[in-house]
Amino acid sequence: MRVLAIALALLAGGGTPPAPEPERAVVWAVGDAATPNDTARRLAAHIRSARPDRFLYLGDVYEHGTLAEFRSNYHPLYGALAEITDPTVGNHEWENRFSGFYPYWRARKGRRQPPWSSTGIAGWEILALNSQAAHGPGSRQLRWLRLAVAEPGGNCRIAFWHRPRFSAGIYPDSPDLEPLWAALRGHAKAVLSGHDHNMQRLRPRGGITQFISGAGGASPYRVDRGDRRLLFGRSGIGGALRIVLSPGRATFEFRDSAGRLLDRSRRTCDPG
């Protein structure tokens, strides 16, 4: 997996090869969190104090993703984690991505932020994908993803992008994202998304669990608790997804801004 990660990083323009993988790693994931309010500040302070090994930002810097908003909204909260951050672009910053998202991350990391990338950590591969860029049949992103999951075998992968493929929130499912989901089927165990301002864990579909971690601080959206696909749902409070990775095993925990456990689930994987 490490050899492939190096090759994919170079193909995507991702810069230097990844460092040696730890045997255990803690990853935090949240989106819709770069907004100037107390909920966002409390959650960010908790995540920073937890000293994660990796941080996944699931998109949306409000309201328009300008460079000024990255500097004033995102940077005070999560800028200190830049070196360990894998971000994906959200719908709010997509239109201004070439003047906001990409310049900000280039300045923070000292290299171009690729539109999609692969990171190896604790026996798992984390795939940063892009729900806003072209992702249909024949697209460059889908071709890249199919190469990424082709070798080696196994399914010890977690993918993330902004808009969820499935959701029990106010947004409907996103059928346009099915090509990405289909390419991951049999090759990954989880997909993480934001966009819906709440926390959700849905029933596995095709062996993949959809997690939504969009309760980072933006105005909360309701969860339809009558949706039979929903295994856990919470809205109205700030929270994020904490993931503990080790070879062959992952624990997913939704926690609030004080660190209190809200939901826990576990997945095992086959390294192939």
C-alpha atoms as a PDB file:
ATOM      1  CA  MET A   1       0.000   0.000   0.000  1.00  0.00           C
ATOM      2  CA  ARG A   2       2.856   2.386   0.784  1.00  0.00           C
ATOM      3  CA  VAL A   3       4.454   1.975  -2.674  1.00  0.00           C
ATOM      4  CA  LEU A   4       1.123   2.734  -4.352  1.00  0.00           C
ATOM      5  CA  ALA A   5       0.548   5.759  -2.095  1.00  0.00           C
ATOM      6  CA  ILE A   6       3.906   7.204  -3.159  1.00  0.00           C
ATOM      7  CA  ALA A   7       3.125   6.663  -6.848  1.00  0.00           C
ATOM      8  CA  LEU A   8      -0.357   8.183  -6.562  1.00  0.00           C
ATOM      9  CA  ALA A   9       0.948  11.188  -4.633  1.00  0.00           C
ATOM     10  CA  LEU A  10       3.458  11.905  -7.363  1.00  0.00           C
ATOM     11  CA  LEU A  11       0.864  11.436 -10.124  1.00  0.00           C
ATOM     12  CA  ALA A  12      -1.506  13.852  -8.390  1.00  0.00           C
ATOM     13  CA  GLY A  13       1.236  16.371  -7.710  1.00  0.00           C
ATOM     14  CA  GLY A  14       1.041  15.678  -4.010  1.00  0.00           C
ATOM     15  CA  GLY A  15       4.698  16.494  -3.297  1.00  0.00           C
ATOM     16  CA  THR A  16       6.983  14.459  -1.069  1.00  0.00           C
ATOM     17  CA  PRO A  17       6.352  10.762  -0.336  1.00  0.00           C
ATOM     18  CA  PRO A  18       4.525   9.982   2.933  1.00  0.00           C
ATOM     19  CA  ALA A  19       6.427   9.271   6.148  1.00  0.00           C
ATOM     20  CA  PRO A  20       6.554   5.747   7.630  1.00  0.00           C
ATOM     21  CA  GLU A  21       3.162   4.628   8.905  1.00  0.00           C
ATOM     22  CA  PRO A  22       2.545   4.405  12.679  1.00  0.00           C
ATOM     23  CA  GLU A  23       1.043   1.224  14.146  1.00  0.00           C
ATOM     24  CA  ARG A  24      -1.801   3.217  15.702  1.00  0.00           C
ATOM     25  CA  ALA A  25      -3.172   6.595  14.753  1.00  0.00           C
ATOM     26  CA  VAL A  26      -5.961   8.932  15.833  1.00  0.00           C
ATOM     27  CA  VAL A  27      -7.713  10.855  13.073  1.00  0.00           C
ATOM     28  CA  TRP A  28     -10.340  13.567  13.512  1.00  0.00           C
ATOM     29  CA  ALA A  29     -12.788  14.525  10.751  1.00  0.00           C
ATOM     30  CA  VAL A  30     -15.228  17.423  10.577  1.00  0.00           C
ATOM     31  CA  GLY A  31     -16.696  19.813   8.041  1.00  0.00           C
ATOM     32  CA  ASP A  32     -18.798  22.968   7.967  1.00  0.00           C
ATOM     33  CA  ALA A  33     -16.741  24.183  10.908  1.00  0.00           C
ATOM     34  CA  ALA A  34     -15.085  27.412   9.726  1.00  0.00           C
ATOM     35  CA  THR A  35     -17.628  29.860  11.025  1.00  0.00           C
ATOM     36  CA  PRO A  36     -17.057  32.482  13.724  1.00  0.00           C
ATOM     37  CA  ASN A  37     -19.186  31.322  16.657  1.00  0.00           C
ATOM     38  CA  ASP A  38     -18.674  29.747  20.074  1.00  0.00           C
ATOM     39  CA  THR A  39     -19.692  26.243  18.952  1.00  0.00           C
ATOM     40  CA  ALA A  40     -17.018  26.196  16.266  1.00  0.00           C
ATOM     41  CA  ARG A  41     -14.384  27.644  18.598  1.00  0.00           C
ATOM     42  CA  ARG A  42     -15.062  25.129  21.379  1.00  0.00           C
ATOM     43  CA  LEU A  43     -14.943  22.159  19.016  1.00  0.00           C
ATOM     44  CA  ALA A  44     -11.764  23.337  17.323  1.00  0.00           C
ATOM     45  CA  ALA A  45     -10.069  23.880  20.681  1.00  0.00           C
ATOM     46  CA  HIS A  46     -10.964  20.334  21.720  1.00  0.00           C
ATOM     47  CA  ILE A  47      -9.630  18.812  18.493  1.00  0.00           C
ATOM     48  CA  ARG A  48      -6.392  20.805  18.692  1.00  0.00           C
ATOM     49  CA  SER A  49      -5.865  19.797  22.322  1.00  0.00           C
ATOM     50  CA  ALA A  50      -6.366  16.129  21.383  1.00  0.00           C
ATOM     51  CA  ARG A  51      -3.189  16.327  19.240  1.00  0.00           C
ATOM     52  CA  PRO A  52      -4.440  14.132  16.393  1.00  0.00           C
ATOM     53  CA  ASP A  53      -2.100  12.273  14.079  1.00  0.00           C
ATOM     54  CA  ARG A  54      -4.217  13.351  11.095  1.00  0.00           C
ATOM     55  CA  PHE A  55      -7.017  15.863  10.557  1.00  0.00           C
ATOM     56  CA  LEU A  56      -9.542  15.607   7.718  1.00  0.00           C
ATOM     57  CA  TYR A  57     -11.392  18.796   6.868  1.00  0.00           C
ATOM     58  CA  LEU A  58     -14.586  17.837   5.051  1.00  0.00           C
ATOM     59  CA  GLY A  59     -15.206  21.162   3.348  1.00  0.00           C
ATOM     60  CA  ASP A  60     -17.026  24.503   3.568  1.00  0.00           C
ATOM     61  CA  VAL A  61     -15.467  27.748   4.704  1.00  0.00           C
ATOM     62  CA  TYR A  62     -18.234  30.315   5.007  1.00  0.00           C
ATOM     63  CA  GLU A  63     -19.788  32.001   3.176  1.00  0.00           C
ATOM     64  CA  HIS A  64     -17.969  32.045  -0.153  1.00  0.00           C
ATOM     65  CA  GLY A  65     -14.600  30.414   0.509  1.00  0.00           C
ATOM     66  CA  THR A  66     -12.588  33.538  -0.256  1.00  0.00           C
ATOM     67  CA  LEU A  67      -8.990  33.810   0.836  1.00  0.00           C
ATOM     68  CA  ALA A  68     -10.075  36.410   3.390  1.00  0.00           C
ATOM     69  CA  GLU A  69     -12.548  33.910   4.855  1.00  0.00           C
ATOM     70  CA  PHE A  70      -9.913  31.185   5.013  1.00  0.00           C
ATOM     71  CA  ARG A  71      -7.704  33.600   6.931  1.00  0.00           C
ATOM     72  CA  SER A  72     -10.386  34.957   9.251  1.00  0.00           C
ATOM     73  CA  ASN A  73     -12.683  31.926   9.713  1.00  0.00           C
ATOM     74  CA  TYR A  74     -10.680  28.747   9.120  1.00  0.00           C
ATOM     75  CA  HIS A  75      -7.144  29.715  10.100  1.00  0.00           C
ATOM     76  CA  PRO A  76      -7.744  30.722  13.756  1.00  0.00           C
ATOM     77  CA  LEU A  77      -9.547  27.423  14.361  1.00  0.00           C
ATOM     78  CA  TYR A  78      -7.576  24.789  12.456  1.00  0.00           C
ATOM     79  CA  GLY A  79      -4.611  26.533  10.865  1.00  0.00           C
ATOM     80  CA  ALA A  80      -2.255  25.115  13.503  1.00  0.00           C
ATOM     81  CA  LEU A  81      -3.042  21.618  12.178  1.00  0.00           C
ATOM     82  CA  ALA A  82      -2.113  22.435   8.572  1.00  0.00           C
ATOM     83  CA  GLU A  83       0.831  20.040   8.346  1.00  0.00           C
ATOM     84  CA  ILE A  84      -1.341  17.055   9.269  1.00  0.00           C
ATOM     85  CA  THR A  85      -4.481  18.187   7.434  1.00  0.00           C
ATOM     86  CA  ASP A  86      -6.029  16.583   4.365  1.00  0.00           C
ATOM     87  CA  PRO A  87      -8.757  18.956   3.111  1.00  0.00           C
ATOM     88  CA  THR A  88     -11.471  18.593   0.504  1.00  0.00           C
ATOM     89  CA  VAL A  89     -13.245  21.472  -1.177  1.00  0.00           C
ATOM     90  CA  GLY A  90     -16.864  22.191  -0.268  1.00  0.00           C
ATOM     91  CA  ASN A  91     -19.664  23.713  -2.288  1.00  0.00           C
ATOM     92  CA  HIS A  92     -19.246  27.085  -0.546  1.00  0.00           C
ATOM     93  CA  GLU A  93     -15.642  27.526  -1.686  1.00  0.00           C
ATOM     94  CA  TRP A  94     -15.876  25.800  -5.077  1.00  0.00           C
ATOM     95  CA  GLU A  95     -16.600  28.912  -7.140  1.00  0.00           C
ATOM     96  CA  ASN A  96     -13.652  30.788  -5.605  1.00  0.00           C
ATOM     97  CA  ARG A  97     -11.314  27.795  -5.313  1.00  0.00           C
ATOM     98  CA  PHE A  98      -8.544  29.308  -7.419  1.00  0.00           C
ATOM     99  CA  SER A  99      -8.465  32.493  -5.346  1.00  0.00           C
ATOM    100  CA  GLY A 100      -9.278  30.941  -1.946  1.00  0.00           C
ATOM    101  CA  PHE A 101      -8.899  27.200  -1.340  1.00  0.00           C
ATOM    102  CA  TYR A 102      -5.819  26.492  -3.450  1.00  0.00           C
ATOM    103  CA  PRO A 103      -3.805  29.635  -2.540  1.00  0.00           C
ATOM    104  CA  TYR A 104      -4.496  29.129   1.174  1.00  0.00           C
ATOM    105  CA  TRP A 105      -3.316  25.524   1.201  1.00  0.00           C
ATOM    106  CA  ARG A 106      -0.309  26.233  -0.982  1.00  0.00           C
ATOM    107  CA  ALA A 107       0.795  28.948   1.447  1.00  0.00           C
ATOM    108  CA  ARG A 108       0.271  26.703   4.471  1.00  0.00           C
ATOM    109  CA  LYS A 109       1.894  23.568   3.052  1.00  0.00           C
ATOM    110  CA  GLY A 110       4.468  25.054   0.713  1.00  0.00           C
ATOM    111  CA  ARG A 111       3.240  22.977  -2.219  1.00  0.00           C
ATOM    112  CA  ARG A 112       0.260  22.685  -4.514  1.00  0.00           C
ATOM    113  CA  GLN A 113      -2.799  21.041  -2.966  1.00  0.00           C
ATOM    114  CA  PRO A 114      -3.833  18.198  -5.296  1.00  0.00           C
ATOM    115  CA  PRO A 115      -7.537  17.899  -6.201  1.00  0.00           C
ATOM    116  CA  TRP A 116      -7.507  14.308  -4.867  1.00  0.00           C
ATOM    117  CA  SER A 117      -4.854  12.347  -3.014  1.00  0.00           C
ATOM    118  CA  SER A 118      -3.925   9.254  -1.012  1.00  0.00           C
ATOM    119  CA  THR A 119      -2.380   9.028   2.453  1.00  0.00           C
ATOM    120  CA  GLY A 120      -1.231   5.864   4.213  1.00  0.00           C
ATOM    121  CA  ILE A 121      -1.556   5.693   7.994  1.00  0.00           C
ATOM    122  CA  ALA A 122      -1.651   2.843  10.538  1.00  0.00           C
ATOM    123  CA  GLY A 123      -2.290   0.172   7.921  1.00  0.00           C
ATOM    124  CA  TRP A 124      -5.096   2.139   6.242  1.00  0.00           C
ATOM    125  CA  GLU A 125      -5.268   4.234   3.095  1.00  0.00           C
ATOM    126  CA  ILE A 126      -7.168   7.526   3.318  1.00  0.00           C
ATOM    127  CA  LEU A 127      -8.483   8.792  -0.008  1.00  0.00           C
ATOM    128  CA  ALA A 128      -9.238  12.507  -0.267  1.00  0.00           C
ATOM    129  CA  LEU A 129     -11.744  12.915  -3.099  1.00  0.00           C
ATOM    130  CA  ASN A 130     -13.737  15.830  -4.518  1.00  0.00           C
ATOM    131  CA  SER A 131     -17.537  15.866  -4.757  1.00  0.00           C
ATOM    132  CA  GLN A 132     -17.492  19.232  -6.551  1.00  0.00           C
ATOM    133  CA  ALA A 133     -15.134  18.316  -9.401  1.00  0.00           C
ATOM    134  CA  ALA A 134     -16.146  16.073 -12.296  1.00  0.00           C
ATOM    135  CA  HIS A 135     -16.599  12.516 -11.002  1.00  0.00           C
ATOM    136  CA  GLY A 136     -18.700  10.762 -13.624  1.00  0.00           C
ATOM    137  CA  PRO A 137     -17.723   8.056 -16.121  1.00  0.00           C
ATOM    138  CA  GLY A 138     -14.625   9.056 -18.026  1.00  0.00           C
ATOM    139  CA  SER A 139     -13.631  11.778 -15.559  1.00  0.00           C
ATOM    140  CA  ARG A 140     -10.013  12.179 -14.519  1.00  0.00           C
ATOM    141  CA  GLN A 141     -10.962  11.762 -10.853  1.00  0.00           C
ATOM    142  CA  LEU A 142     -12.749   8.462 -11.406  1.00  0.00           C
ATOM    143  CA  ARG A 143      -9.840   7.112 -13.453  1.00  0.00           C
ATOM    144  CA  TRP A 144      -7.475   8.089 -10.625  1.00  0.00           C
ATOM    145  CA  LEU A 145      -9.679   6.423  -8.012  1.00  0.00           C
ATOM    146  CA  ARG A 146      -9.915   3.167  -9.939  1.00  0.00           C
ATOM    147  CA  LEU A 147      -6.114   3.069 -10.164  1.00  0.00           C
ATOM    148  CA  ALA A 148      -5.846   3.827  -6.450  1.00  0.00           C
ATOM    149  CA  VAL A 149      -8.002   0.866  -5.414  1.00  0.00           C
ATOM    150  CA  ALA A 150      -6.684  -1.549  -8.025  1.00  0.00           C
ATOM    151  CA  GLU A 151      -3.485  -2.516  -6.226  1.00  0.00           C
ATOM    152  CA  PRO A 152      -2.846  -3.836  -3.721  1.00  0.00           C
ATOM    153  CA  GLY A 153      -5.951  -5.838  -2.851  1.00  0.00           C
ATOM    154  CA  GLY A 154      -7.937  -5.584   0.330  1.00  0.00           C
ATOM    155  CA  ASN A 155     -10.394  -3.007   1.626  1.00  0.00           C
ATOM    156  CA  CYS A 156      -8.524  -1.119   4.360  1.00  0.00           C
ATOM    157  CA  ARG A 157      -9.502   2.257   2.971  1.00  0.00           C
ATOM    158  CA  ILE A 158     -11.491   5.275   4.128  1.00  0.00           C
ATOM    159  CA  ALA A 159     -12.568   7.873   1.563  1.00  0.00           C
ATOM    160  CA  PHE A 160     -13.880  11.362   2.157  1.00  0.00           C
ATOM    161  CA  TRP A 161     -15.513  14.132   0.143  1.00  0.00           C
ATOM    162  CA  HIS A 162     -17.876  16.985   0.954  1.00  0.00           C
ATOM    163  CA  ARG A 163     -21.412  16.104  -0.202  1.00  0.00           C
ATOM    164  CA  PRO A 164     -22.641  12.740   1.160  1.00  0.00           C
ATOM    165  CA  ARG A 165     -23.764  10.017  -1.191  1.00  0.00           C
ATOM    166  CA  PHE A 166     -26.491   9.064   1.309  1.00  0.00           C
ATOM    167  CA  SER A 167     -28.055  11.169   4.048  1.00  0.00           C
ATOM    168  CA  ALA A 168     -30.993  11.211   6.462  1.00  0.00           C
ATOM    169  CA  GLY A 169     -30.672  14.981   6.812  1.00  0.00           C
ATOM    170  CA  ILE A 170     -32.318  17.847   4.961  1.00  0.00           C
ATOM    171  CA  TYR A 171     -30.368  17.219   1.784  1.00  0.00           C
ATOM    172  CA  PRO A 172     -31.461  14.300  -0.389  1.00  0.00           C
ATOM    173  CA  ASP A 173     -29.160  11.498  -1.476  1.00  0.00           C
ATOM    174  CA  SER A 174     -26.708  12.431  -4.227  1.00  0.00           C
ATOM    175  CA  PRO A 175     -27.045   9.925  -7.090  1.00  0.00           C
ATOM    176  CA  ASP A 176     -24.436  11.839  -9.099  1.00  0.00           C
ATOM    177  CA  LEU A 177     -21.811  10.508  -6.654  1.00  0.00           C
ATOM    178  CA  GLU A 178     -22.631   6.869  -7.384  1.00  0.00           C
ATOM    179  CA  PRO A 179     -19.594   6.411  -9.718  1.00  0.00           C
ATOM    180  CA  LEU A 180     -17.248   7.173  -6.804  1.00  0.00           C
ATOM    181  CA  TRP A 181     -19.222   4.956  -4.415  1.00  0.00           C
ATOM    182  CA  ALA A 182     -19.323   2.111  -6.952  1.00  0.00           C
ATOM    183  CA  ALA A 183     -15.577   2.332  -7.526  1.00  0.00           C
ATOM    184  CA  LEU A 184     -15.010   2.005  -3.767  1.00  0.00           C
ATOM    185  CA  ARG A 185     -17.349  -0.959  -3.332  1.00  0.00           C
ATOM    186  CA  GLY A 186     -15.295  -3.951  -2.157  1.00  0.00           C
ATOM    187  CA  HIS A 187     -12.254  -1.715  -1.711  1.00  0.00           C
ATOM    188  CA  ALA A 188     -13.196   0.546   1.239  1.00  0.00           C
ATOM    189  CA  LYS A 189     -15.021   0.400   4.569  1.00  0.00           C
ATOM    190  CA  ALA A 190     -16.190   3.983   5.093  1.00  0.00           C
ATOM    191  CA  VAL A 191     -16.971   7.272   3.356  1.00  0.00           C
ATOM    192  CA  LEU A 192     -16.886  10.494   5.382  1.00  0.00           C
ATOM    193  CA  SER A 193     -18.740  13.658   4.366  1.00  0.00           C
ATOM    194  CA  GLY A 194     -19.970  16.994   5.673  1.00  0.00           C
ATOM    195  CA  HIS A 195     -22.534  19.292   3.986  1.00  0.00           C
ATOM    196  CA  ASP A 196     -25.430  18.254   6.246  1.00  0.00           C
ATOM    197  CA  HIS A 197     -24.865  20.177   9.491  1.00  0.00           C
ATOM    198  CA  ASN A 198     -25.312  17.224  11.820  1.00  0.00           C
ATOM    199  CA  MET A 199     -23.790  13.853  12.745  1.00  0.00           C
ATOM    200  CA  GLN A 200     -24.958  10.638  11.110  1.00  0.00           C
ATOM    201  CA  ARG A 201     -23.968   6.987  10.818  1.00  0.00           C
ATOM    202  CA  LEU A 202     -25.943   5.063   8.233  1.00  0.00           C
ATOM    203  CA  ARG A 203     -26.299   1.331   7.686  1.00  0.00           C
ATOM    204  CA  PRO A 204     -23.508  -0.119   5.543  1.00  0.00           C
ATOM    205  CA  ARG A 205     -24.349  -0.219   1.865  1.00  0.00           C
ATOM    206  CA  GLY A 206     -22.284  -2.497  -0.340  1.00  0.00           C
ATOM    207  CA  GLY A 207     -19.956  -2.978   2.630  1.00  0.00           C
ATOM    208  CA  ILE A 208     -19.343   0.771   3.011  1.00  0.00           C
ATOM    209  CA  THR A 209     -20.605   2.911   5.903  1.00  0.00           C
ATOM    210  CA  GLN A 210     -21.552   6.534   5.198  1.00  0.00           C
ATOM    211  CA  PHE A 211     -20.604   8.851   8.068  1.00  0.00           C
ATOM    212  CA  ILE A 212     -21.633  12.515   8.062  1.00  0.00           C
ATOM    213  CA  SER A 213     -19.629  14.828  10.291  1.00  0.00           C
ATOM    214  CA  GLY A 214     -20.949  18.269   9.461  1.00  0.00           C
ATOM    215  CA  ALA A 215     -21.751  19.549  12.955  1.00  0.00           C
ATOM    216  CA  GLY A 216     -18.628  21.693  13.123  1.00  0.00           C
ATOM    217  CA  GLY A 217     -20.396  24.908  14.015  1.00  0.00           C
ATOM    218  CA  ALA A 218     -22.567  26.037  11.110  1.00  0.00           C
ATOM    219  CA  SER A 219     -26.307  26.404  11.773  1.00  0.00           C
ATOM    220  CA  PRO A 220     -27.631  22.902  12.612  1.00  0.00           C
ATOM    221  CA  TYR A 221     -29.813  20.874  10.246  1.00  0.00           C
ATOM    222  CA  ARG A 222     -32.341  18.340  11.454  1.00  0.00           C
ATOM    223  CA  VAL A 223     -31.941  14.571  11.116  1.00  0.00           C
ATOM    224  CA  ASP A 224     -34.858  12.381  10.071  1.00  0.00           C
ATOM    225  CA  ARG A 225     -34.900   9.826  12.864  1.00  0.00           C
ATOM    226  CA  GLY A 226     -37.574   7.873  11.004  1.00  0.00           C
ATOM    227  CA  ASP A 227     -35.142   7.044   8.204  1.00  0.00           C
ATOM    228  CA  ARG A 228     -34.590   3.300   8.533  1.00  0.00           C
ATOM    229  CA  ARG A 229     -31.058   3.599   7.193  1.00  0.00           C
ATOM    230  CA  LEU A 230     -30.003   5.704  10.175  1.00  0.00           C
ATOM    231  CA  LEU A 231     -28.090   3.950  12.956  1.00  0.00           C
ATOM    232  CA  PHE A 232     -27.078   7.135  14.766  1.00  0.00           C
ATOM    233  CA  GLY A 233     -28.123  10.728  14.248  1.00  0.00           C
ATOM    234  CA  ARG A 234     -27.648  13.897  16.272  1.00  0.00           C
ATOM    235  CA  SER A 235     -28.181  17.576  15.530  1.00  0.00           C
ATOM    236  CA  GLY A 236     -28.272  20.783  17.483  1.00  0.00           C
ATOM    237  CA  ILE A 237     -24.845  20.391  19.107  1.00  0.00           C
ATOM    238  CA  GLY A 238     -21.283  20.714  17.877  1.00  0.00           C
ATOM    239  CA  GLY A 239     -19.361  17.509  17.377  1.00  0.00           C
ATOM    240  CA  ALA A 240     -16.894  15.649  15.209  1.00  0.00           C
ATOM    241  CA  LEU A 241     -15.810  12.152  14.230  1.00  0.00           C
ATOM    242  CA  ARG A 242     -12.819  10.640  16.010  1.00  0.00           C
ATOM    243  CA  ILE A 243     -11.279   7.586  14.332  1.00  0.00           C
ATOM    244  CA  VAL A 244      -8.753   5.261  15.934  1.00  0.00           C
ATOM    245  CA  LEU A 245      -6.857   3.246  13.322  1.00  0.00           C
ATOM    246  CA  SER A 246      -4.639   0.198  13.665  1.00  0.00           C
ATOM    247  CA  PRO A 247      -3.810  -2.472  11.102  1.00  0.00           C
ATOM    248  CA  GLY A 248      -7.010  -4.314  10.225  1.00  0.00           C
ATOM    249  CA  ARG A 249      -9.239  -2.373  12.623  1.00  0.00           C
ATOM    250  CA  ALA A 250     -10.916   1.033  12.951  1.00  0.00           C
ATOM    251  CA  THR A 251     -13.045   2.528  15.727  1.00  0.00           C
ATOM    252  CA  PHE A 252     -15.345   5.432  14.807  1.00  0.00           C
ATOM    253  CA  GLU A 253     -16.556   7.727  17.581  1.00  0.00           C
ATOM    254  CA  PHE A 254     -18.768  10.774  17.376  1.00  0.00           C
ATOM    255  CA  ARG A 255     -17.826  13.121  20.217  1.00  0.00           C
ATOM    256  CA  ASP A 256     -19.154  16.507  21.231  1.00  0.00           C
ATOM    257  CA  SER A 257     -17.034  19.616  21.780  1.00  0.00           C
ATOM    258  CA  ALA A 258     -16.360  18.593  25.395  1.00  0.00           C
ATOM    259  CA  GLY A 259     -15.109  15.173  24.322  1.00  0.00           C
ATOM    260  CA  ARG A 260     -18.189  13.251  25.477  1.00  0.00           C
ATOM    261  CA  LEU A 261     -18.856  10.050  23.554  1.00  0.00           C
ATOM    262  CA  LEU A 262     -22.085  10.108  21.525  1.00  0.00           C
ATOM    263  CA  ASP A 263     -21.742   7.023  19.333  1.00  0.00           C
ATOM    264  CA  ARG A 264     -19.171   4.286  18.766  1.00  0.00           C
ATOM    265  CA  SER A 265     -18.855   1.686  16.023  1.00  0.00           C
ATOM    266  CA  ARG A 266     -16.089  -0.569  14.802  1.00  0.00           C
ATOM    267  CA  ARG A 267     -15.065  -1.917  11.436  1.00  0.00           C
ATOM    268  CA  THR A 268     -12.477  -4.513  10.529  1.00  0.00           C
ATOM    269  CA  CYS A 269     -10.799  -4.788   7.152  1.00  0.00           C
ATOM    270  CA  ASP A 270      -8.827  -7.194   5.026  1.00  0.00           C
ATOM    271  CA  PRO A 271      -5.413  -5.834   4.017  1.00  0.00           C
ATOM    272  CA  GLY A 272      -5.363  -8.247   1.060  1.00  0.00           C
END
